[in-house]
Amino acid sequence: MPKRKPPEVRRVPSQARSQERLERIVDSAAEVFAEVGFEAATMEAIAVRADTSIGSVYQFFPNKRALLYAIAIRYAERVQDLFDDLTTVEGSESWDAFLDRTLDALVAFHRREPGFRALVRNWSSQEFLAQDEASMKEFTRRTAALIAARLPKMPEARRTVIATVLVENVSALLISTSRRASDAVITEWKSMLHRWLAPYATARAKRASR
C-alpha cells in the first residue's frame, strides 16, 4: 500500500542515507515512548537512542506529537500489509486453520513491533485513536468480505456484526498480550473464538456438501 507522509513531518528524504536516519529516529521514538511514556519522553532521549544529533531529529519532526503520529501511521501501514498477506490464501482453508494462522501471525508481529507497544502505552493519544479507528473500520470491512466469500447467503448486516465482534476481540487479545505475554492466555482466547465461530463454520460445511 502507498506510504503516507504524516502531516507534521517537515520533509520526507529522497536519499537512502537520510531515509535510513528517518526510520531509525521513528524506531527509537517508538522504543522510548513504549518504555517511559509520551509525557516523560524527550526529543533529546530519542536522538541519543537513534545515535543522531538533536538537530537531525528536529530536521524531520517539529515535536514529540509529530513523532507519535508518524509511529501511528507506520504501525497502521505495517499491520495492514500483514493483513493483506494473511488473507491471500485460497478460500477453501478451514475457519479453524485460518483463525489459528492469523492469530499466531498477528501475535508474533505485535510482540516484536515497538510501534504497537508505544501506542498501547499512550492509549489516550488522539493520534493513536484516529489511526486505530480508521484501521479497525478497514479490518472490519475486509473481515466481512472474507465471511461473505464463505457464507454468501448470510445477510450483509449480520456479516458486519460478526466481523466487528471478531476484529474487536482480536484487538483486545493483542492488547492483552502486550501486557502479559502468556501463551496460555493466547490459547484460551483462541479456544473461545473457535467455539464462538463454530456454528458459522458448520453452516459453511453444510452448504459446501450440498
C-alpha atoms as a PDB file:
ATOM      1  CA  MET A   1       0.000   0.000   0.000  1.00  0.00           C
ATOM      2  CA  PRO A   2       1.268   3.554  -0.643  1.00  0.00           C
ATOM      3  CA  LYS A   3       3.181   5.200   2.193  1.00  0.00           C
ATOM      4  CA  ARG A   4       1.762   8.433   3.525  1.00  0.00           C
ATOM      5  CA  LYS A   5       3.613  11.438   4.808  1.00  0.00           C
ATOM      6  CA  PRO A   6       2.404  12.407   8.290  1.00  0.00           C
ATOM      7  CA  PRO A   7       1.088  15.997   8.068  1.00  0.00           C
ATOM      8  CA  GLU A   8       3.508  17.323  10.690  1.00  0.00           C
ATOM      9  CA  VAL A   9       6.648  15.752   9.234  1.00  0.00           C
ATOM     10  CA  ARG A  10       8.788  18.569   7.882  1.00  0.00           C
ATOM     11  CA  ARG A  11      10.161  16.647   4.928  1.00  0.00           C
ATOM     12  CA  VAL A  12      10.463  13.145   3.537  1.00  0.00           C
ATOM     13  CA  PRO A  13      14.063  12.490   2.453  1.00  0.00           C
ATOM     14  CA  SER A  14      14.844  11.245  -1.036  1.00  0.00           C
ATOM     15  CA  GLN A  15      18.357   9.981  -0.340  1.00  0.00           C
ATOM     16  CA  ALA A  16      18.768   6.495   1.070  1.00  0.00           C
ATOM     17  CA  ARG A  17      21.041   7.631   3.892  1.00  0.00           C
ATOM     18  CA  SER A  18      18.599  10.274   5.079  1.00  0.00           C
ATOM     19  CA  GLN A  19      15.700   7.844   4.762  1.00  0.00           C
ATOM     20  CA  GLU A  20      17.581   5.345   6.931  1.00  0.00           C
ATOM     21  CA  ARG A  21      18.132   8.063   9.539  1.00  0.00           C
ATOM     22  CA  LEU A  22      14.438   8.965   9.499  1.00  0.00           C
ATOM     23  CA  GLU A  23      13.449   5.323  10.021  1.00  0.00           C
ATOM     24  CA  ARG A  24      15.964   4.997  12.859  1.00  0.00           C
ATOM     25  CA  ILE A  25      14.524   8.079  14.558  1.00  0.00           C
ATOM     26  CA  VAL A  26      10.976   6.706  14.324  1.00  0.00           C
ATOM     27  CA  ASP A  27      12.130   3.298  15.614  1.00  0.00           C
ATOM     28  CA  SER A  28      13.917   4.957  18.523  1.00  0.00           C
ATOM     29  CA  ALA A  29      10.934   7.159  19.332  1.00  0.00           C
ATOM     30  CA  ALA A  30       8.697   4.068  19.433  1.00  0.00           C
ATOM     31  CA  GLU A  31      11.075   2.385  21.882  1.00  0.00           C
ATOM     32  CA  VAL A  32      11.330   5.451  24.129  1.00  0.00           C
ATOM     33  CA  PHE A  33       7.567   6.077  24.137  1.00  0.00           C
ATOM     34  CA  ALA A  34       6.975   2.401  24.950  1.00  0.00           C
ATOM     35  CA  GLU A  35       9.456   2.472  27.820  1.00  0.00           C
ATOM     36  CA  VAL A  36       8.731   5.772  29.575  1.00  0.00           C
ATOM     37  CA  GLY A  37       5.504   7.096  28.048  1.00  0.00           C
ATOM     38  CA  PHE A  38       4.804  10.130  25.893  1.00  0.00           C
ATOM     39  CA  GLU A  39       4.909  12.722  28.677  1.00  0.00           C
ATOM     40  CA  ALA A  40       8.271  11.592  30.094  1.00  0.00           C
ATOM     41  CA  ALA A  41       9.919  11.101  26.716  1.00  0.00           C
ATOM     42  CA  THR A  42      12.155  13.858  25.371  1.00  0.00           C
ATOM     43  CA  MET A  43      13.420  14.674  21.921  1.00  0.00           C
ATOM     44  CA  GLU A  44      16.934  14.532  23.362  1.00  0.00           C
ATOM     45  CA  ALA A  45      16.463  10.967  24.612  1.00  0.00           C
ATOM     46  CA  ILE A  46      15.115   9.947  21.222  1.00  0.00           C
ATOM     47  CA  ALA A  47      18.141  11.485  19.487  1.00  0.00           C
ATOM     48  CA  VAL A  48      20.502   9.599  21.805  1.00  0.00           C
ATOM     49  CA  ARG A  49      18.657   6.313  21.177  1.00  0.00           C
ATOM     50  CA  ALA A  50      18.799   6.922  17.427  1.00  0.00           C
ATOM     51  CA  ASP A  51      22.520   7.731  17.636  1.00  0.00           C
ATOM     52  CA  THR A  52      21.997  11.031  15.859  1.00  0.00           C
ATOM     53  CA  SER A  53      22.019  14.727  16.708  1.00  0.00           C
ATOM     54  CA  ILE A  54      19.047  16.564  18.150  1.00  0.00           C
ATOM     55  CA  GLY A  55      19.210  18.790  15.083  1.00  0.00           C
ATOM     56  CA  SER A  56      18.641  15.772  12.847  1.00  0.00           C
ATOM     57  CA  VAL A  57      15.522  14.870  14.808  1.00  0.00           C
ATOM     58  CA  TYR A  58      14.118  18.388  14.503  1.00  0.00           C
ATOM     59  CA  GLN A  59      15.044  18.392  10.826  1.00  0.00           C
ATOM     60  CA  PHE A  60      12.265  15.854  10.299  1.00  0.00           C
ATOM     61  CA  PHE A  61       9.915  16.304  13.256  1.00  0.00           C
ATOM     62  CA  PRO A  62       8.947  19.584  14.952  1.00  0.00           C
ATOM     63  CA  ASN A  63       7.843  17.913  18.204  1.00  0.00           C
ATOM     64  CA  LYS A  64       7.033  14.674  20.014  1.00  0.00           C
ATOM     65  CA  ARG A  65       3.437  14.708  18.816  1.00  0.00           C
ATOM     66  CA  ALA A  66       4.571  14.604  15.207  1.00  0.00           C
ATOM     67  CA  LEU A  67       6.756  11.611  16.048  1.00  0.00           C
ATOM     68  CA  LEU A  68       3.895   9.763  17.730  1.00  0.00           C
ATOM     69  CA  TYR A  69       1.700  10.471  14.713  1.00  0.00           C
ATOM     70  CA  ALA A  70       4.403   9.053  12.428  1.00  0.00           C
ATOM     71  CA  ILE A  71       4.556   5.921  14.587  1.00  0.00           C
ATOM     72  CA  ALA A  72       0.769   5.535  14.404  1.00  0.00           C
ATOM     73  CA  ILE A  73       0.735   5.816  10.618  1.00  0.00           C
ATOM     74  CA  ARG A  74       3.654   3.438  10.144  1.00  0.00           C
ATOM     75  CA  TYR A  75       2.128   0.892  12.504  1.00  0.00           C
ATOM     76  CA  ALA A  76      -1.201   1.064  10.629  1.00  0.00           C
ATOM     77  CA  GLU A  77       0.567   0.546   7.300  1.00  0.00           C
ATOM     78  CA  ARG A  78       2.583  -2.410   8.572  1.00  0.00           C
ATOM     79  CA  VAL A  79      -0.362  -4.205  10.146  1.00  0.00           C
ATOM     80  CA  GLN A  80      -2.496  -3.653   7.040  1.00  0.00           C
ATOM     81  CA  ASP A  81       0.289  -5.091   4.873  1.00  0.00           C
ATOM     82  CA  LEU A  82       0.389  -8.095   7.193  1.00  0.00           C
ATOM     83  CA  PHE A  83      -3.382  -8.480   6.948  1.00  0.00           C
ATOM     84  CA  ASP A  84      -3.086  -8.416   3.146  1.00  0.00           C
ATOM     85  CA  ASP A  85      -0.564 -11.245   3.281  1.00  0.00           C
ATOM     86  CA  LEU A  86      -2.690 -13.285   5.664  1.00  0.00           C
ATOM     87  CA  THR A  87      -5.829 -13.065   3.543  1.00  0.00           C
ATOM     88  CA  THR A  88      -4.331 -14.053   0.178  1.00  0.00           C
ATOM     89  CA  VAL A  89      -4.821 -17.771   0.865  1.00  0.00           C
ATOM     90  CA  GLU A  90      -7.288 -19.930  -1.038  1.00  0.00           C
ATOM     91  CA  GLY A  91     -10.795 -19.523   0.375  1.00  0.00           C
ATOM     92  CA  SER A  92     -11.175 -23.292   0.898  1.00  0.00           C
ATOM     93  CA  GLU A  93      -8.986 -23.083   4.010  1.00  0.00           C
ATOM     94  CA  SER A  94     -10.960 -24.087   7.093  1.00  0.00           C
ATOM     95  CA  TRP A  95     -12.079 -21.422   9.531  1.00  0.00           C
ATOM     96  CA  ASP A  96     -10.115 -23.061  12.342  1.00  0.00           C
ATOM     97  CA  ALA A  97      -6.905 -23.154  10.287  1.00  0.00           C
ATOM     98  CA  PHE A  98      -7.372 -19.578   9.110  1.00  0.00           C
ATOM     99  CA  LEU A  99      -8.083 -18.297  12.618  1.00  0.00           C
ATOM    100  CA  ASP A 100      -5.064 -20.069  14.133  1.00  0.00           C
ATOM    101  CA  ARG A 101      -2.727 -18.938  11.372  1.00  0.00           C
ATOM    102  CA  THR A 102      -3.963 -15.351  11.527  1.00  0.00           C
ATOM    103  CA  LEU A 103      -3.837 -15.041  15.312  1.00  0.00           C
ATOM    104  CA  ASP A 104      -0.378 -16.615  15.524  1.00  0.00           C
ATOM    105  CA  ALA A 105       0.968 -14.219  12.894  1.00  0.00           C
ATOM    106  CA  LEU A 106      -0.651 -11.161  14.486  1.00  0.00           C
ATOM    107  CA  VAL A 107       0.583 -12.029  17.985  1.00  0.00           C
ATOM    108  CA  ALA A 108       4.132 -12.615  16.704  1.00  0.00           C
ATOM    109  CA  PHE A 109       4.072  -9.316  14.801  1.00  0.00           C
ATOM    110  CA  HIS A 110       2.792  -7.288  17.743  1.00  0.00           C
ATOM    111  CA  ARG A 111       5.252  -8.819  20.166  1.00  0.00           C
ATOM    112  CA  ARG A 112       8.157  -7.582  18.070  1.00  0.00           C
ATOM    113  CA  GLU A 113       6.636  -4.292  16.847  1.00  0.00           C
ATOM    114  CA  PRO A 114       7.810  -1.379  19.032  1.00  0.00           C
ATOM    115  CA  GLY A 115       5.288   0.952  17.443  1.00  0.00           C
ATOM    116  CA  PHE A 116       2.412  -1.102  18.811  1.00  0.00           C
ATOM    117  CA  ARG A 117       3.824  -1.077  22.331  1.00  0.00           C
ATOM    118  CA  ALA A 118       4.359   2.679  22.086  1.00  0.00           C
ATOM    119  CA  LEU A 119       0.773   3.268  21.035  1.00  0.00           C
ATOM    120  CA  VAL A 120      -0.696   0.991  23.706  1.00  0.00           C
ATOM    121  CA  ARG A 121       1.387   2.772  26.361  1.00  0.00           C
ATOM    122  CA  ASN A 122      -0.030   6.090  25.121  1.00  0.00           C
ATOM    123  CA  TRP A 123      -3.583   4.889  24.555  1.00  0.00           C
ATOM    124  CA  SER A 124      -5.234   8.284  25.142  1.00  0.00           C
ATOM    125  CA  SER A 125      -3.314   9.979  22.347  1.00  0.00           C
ATOM    126  CA  GLN A 126      -5.583  11.444  19.693  1.00  0.00           C
ATOM    127  CA  GLU A 127      -3.027  10.405  17.077  1.00  0.00           C
ATOM    128  CA  PHE A 128      -3.414   6.786  18.112  1.00  0.00           C
ATOM    129  CA  LEU A 129      -7.200   6.912  18.442  1.00  0.00           C
ATOM    130  CA  ALA A 130      -7.690   8.402  14.984  1.00  0.00           C
ATOM    131  CA  GLN A 131      -5.452   5.841  13.293  1.00  0.00           C
ATOM    132  CA  ASP A 132      -6.857   2.987  15.366  1.00  0.00           C
ATOM    133  CA  GLU A 133     -10.436   3.829  14.450  1.00  0.00           C
ATOM    134  CA  ALA A 134      -9.599   4.029  10.751  1.00  0.00           C
ATOM    135  CA  SER A 135      -7.698   0.731  10.869  1.00  0.00           C
ATOM    136  CA  MET A 136     -10.461  -1.040  12.787  1.00  0.00           C
ATOM    137  CA  LYS A 137     -13.044   0.047  10.220  1.00  0.00           C
ATOM    138  CA  GLU A 138     -10.853  -1.210   7.385  1.00  0.00           C
ATOM    139  CA  PHE A 139     -10.161  -4.554   9.083  1.00  0.00           C
ATOM    140  CA  THR A 140     -13.857  -4.973   9.800  1.00  0.00           C
ATOM    141  CA  ARG A 141     -14.694  -4.325   6.147  1.00  0.00           C
ATOM    142  CA  ARG A 142     -12.104  -6.860   4.972  1.00  0.00           C
ATOM    143  CA  THR A 143     -13.180  -9.444   7.520  1.00  0.00           C
ATOM    144  CA  ALA A 144     -16.796  -9.056   6.449  1.00  0.00           C
ATOM    145  CA  ALA A 145     -15.658  -9.663   2.866  1.00  0.00           C
ATOM    146  CA  LEU A 146     -13.909 -12.882   3.948  1.00  0.00           C
ATOM    147  CA  ILE A 147     -17.099 -14.026   5.657  1.00  0.00           C
ATOM    148  CA  ALA A 148     -19.108 -13.174   2.545  1.00  0.00           C
ATOM    149  CA  ALA A 149     -16.821 -15.371   0.418  1.00  0.00           C
ATOM    150  CA  ARG A 150     -17.510 -18.316   2.723  1.00  0.00           C
ATOM    151  CA  LEU A 151     -21.163 -17.613   3.578  1.00  0.00           C
ATOM    152  CA  PRO A 152     -22.586 -15.611   0.661  1.00  0.00           C
ATOM    153  CA  LYS A 153     -26.195 -16.136   1.786  1.00  0.00           C
ATOM    154  CA  MET A 154     -25.639 -14.512   5.148  1.00  0.00           C
ATOM    155  CA  PRO A 155     -27.237 -11.030   5.275  1.00  0.00           C
ATOM    156  CA  GLU A 156     -24.751  -8.185   4.966  1.00  0.00           C
ATOM    157  CA  ALA A 157     -25.797  -6.637   8.277  1.00  0.00           C
ATOM    158  CA  ARG A 158     -25.157  -9.931  10.074  1.00  0.00           C
ATOM    159  CA  ARG A 159     -21.733 -10.308   8.440  1.00  0.00           C
ATOM    160  CA  THR A 160     -20.795  -6.823   9.572  1.00  0.00           C
ATOM    161  CA  VAL A 161     -21.791  -7.576  13.165  1.00  0.00           C
ATOM    162  CA  ILE A 162     -19.765 -10.815  13.221  1.00  0.00           C
ATOM    163  CA  ALA A 163     -16.767  -9.098  11.621  1.00  0.00           C
ATOM    164  CA  THR A 164     -16.956  -6.240  14.136  1.00  0.00           C
ATOM    165  CA  VAL A 165     -17.050  -8.588  17.120  1.00  0.00           C
ATOM    166  CA  LEU A 166     -14.193 -10.683  15.707  1.00  0.00           C
ATOM    167  CA  VAL A 167     -11.961  -7.692  14.992  1.00  0.00           C
ATOM    168  CA  GLU A 168     -12.666  -6.146  18.400  1.00  0.00           C
ATOM    169  CA  ASN A 169     -11.850  -9.449  20.133  1.00  0.00           C
ATOM    170  CA  VAL A 170      -8.592  -9.888  18.245  1.00  0.00           C
ATOM    171  CA  SER A 171      -7.661  -6.289  19.078  1.00  0.00           C
ATOM    172  CA  ALA A 172      -8.321  -6.965  22.757  1.00  0.00           C
ATOM    173  CA  LEU A 173      -6.191 -10.119  22.556  1.00  0.00           C
ATOM    174  CA  LEU A 174      -3.279  -8.173  21.082  1.00  0.00           C
ATOM    175  CA  ILE A 175      -3.515  -5.519  23.775  1.00  0.00           C
ATOM    176  CA  SER A 176      -3.630  -8.240  26.427  1.00  0.00           C
ATOM    177  CA  THR A 177      -0.523  -9.960  25.058  1.00  0.00           C
ATOM    178  CA  SER A 178       1.344  -6.651  25.084  1.00  0.00           C
ATOM    179  CA  ARG A 179       0.849  -6.538  28.857  1.00  0.00           C
ATOM    180  CA  ARG A 180       1.144 -10.208  29.779  1.00  0.00           C
ATOM    181  CA  ALA A 181       2.798 -12.325  27.081  1.00  0.00           C
ATOM    182  CA  SER A 182       1.346 -15.659  28.224  1.00  0.00           C
ATOM    183  CA  ASP A 183       0.939 -18.432  25.676  1.00  0.00           C
ATOM    184  CA  ALA A 184      -1.714 -19.956  27.943  1.00  0.00           C
ATOM    185  CA  VAL A 185      -3.803 -16.782  27.687  1.00  0.00           C
ATOM    186  CA  ILE A 186      -3.482 -16.821  23.905  1.00  0.00           C
ATOM    187  CA  THR A 187      -4.518 -20.485  23.758  1.00  0.00           C
ATOM    188  CA  GLU A 188      -7.630 -19.803  25.837  1.00  0.00           C
ATOM    189  CA  TRP A 189      -8.553 -16.778  23.739  1.00  0.00           C
ATOM    190  CA  LYS A 190      -8.210 -18.811  20.552  1.00  0.00           C
ATOM    191  CA  SER A 191     -10.343 -21.571  22.057  1.00  0.00           C
ATOM    192  CA  MET A 192     -13.043 -19.033  22.911  1.00  0.00           C
ATOM    193  CA  LEU A 193     -13.078 -17.660  19.361  1.00  0.00           C
ATOM    194  CA  HIS A 194     -13.144 -21.163  17.868  1.00  0.00           C
ATOM    195  CA  ARG A 195     -16.209 -22.063  19.940  1.00  0.00           C
ATOM    196  CA  TRP A 196     -17.957 -18.822  19.045  1.00  0.00           C
ATOM    197  CA  LEU A 197     -17.297 -19.264  15.307  1.00  0.00           C
ATOM    198  CA  ALA A 198     -18.115 -22.994  15.269  1.00  0.00           C
ATOM    199  CA  PRO A 199     -21.801 -22.562  14.276  1.00  0.00           C
ATOM    200  CA  TYR A 200     -20.815 -20.440  11.290  1.00  0.00           C
ATOM    201  CA  ALA A 201     -18.138 -22.928  10.246  1.00  0.00           C
ATOM    202  CA  THR A 202     -20.735 -25.705  10.488  1.00  0.00           C
ATOM    203  CA  ALA A 203     -23.121 -23.729   8.323  1.00  0.00           C
ATOM    204  CA  ARG A 204     -20.397 -23.304   5.730  1.00  0.00           C
ATOM    205  CA  ALA A 205     -19.597 -27.040   5.770  1.00  0.00           C
ATOM    206  CA  LYS A 206     -23.273 -27.928   5.254  1.00  0.00           C
ATOM    207  CA  ARG A 207     -23.503 -25.509   2.353  1.00  0.00           C
ATOM    208  CA  ALA A 208     -20.376 -26.977   0.729  1.00  0.00           C
ATOM    209  CA  SER A 209     -21.726 -30.541   0.996  1.00  0.00           C
ATOM    210  CA  ARG A 210     -24.916 -29.775  -0.891  1.00  0.00           C
END
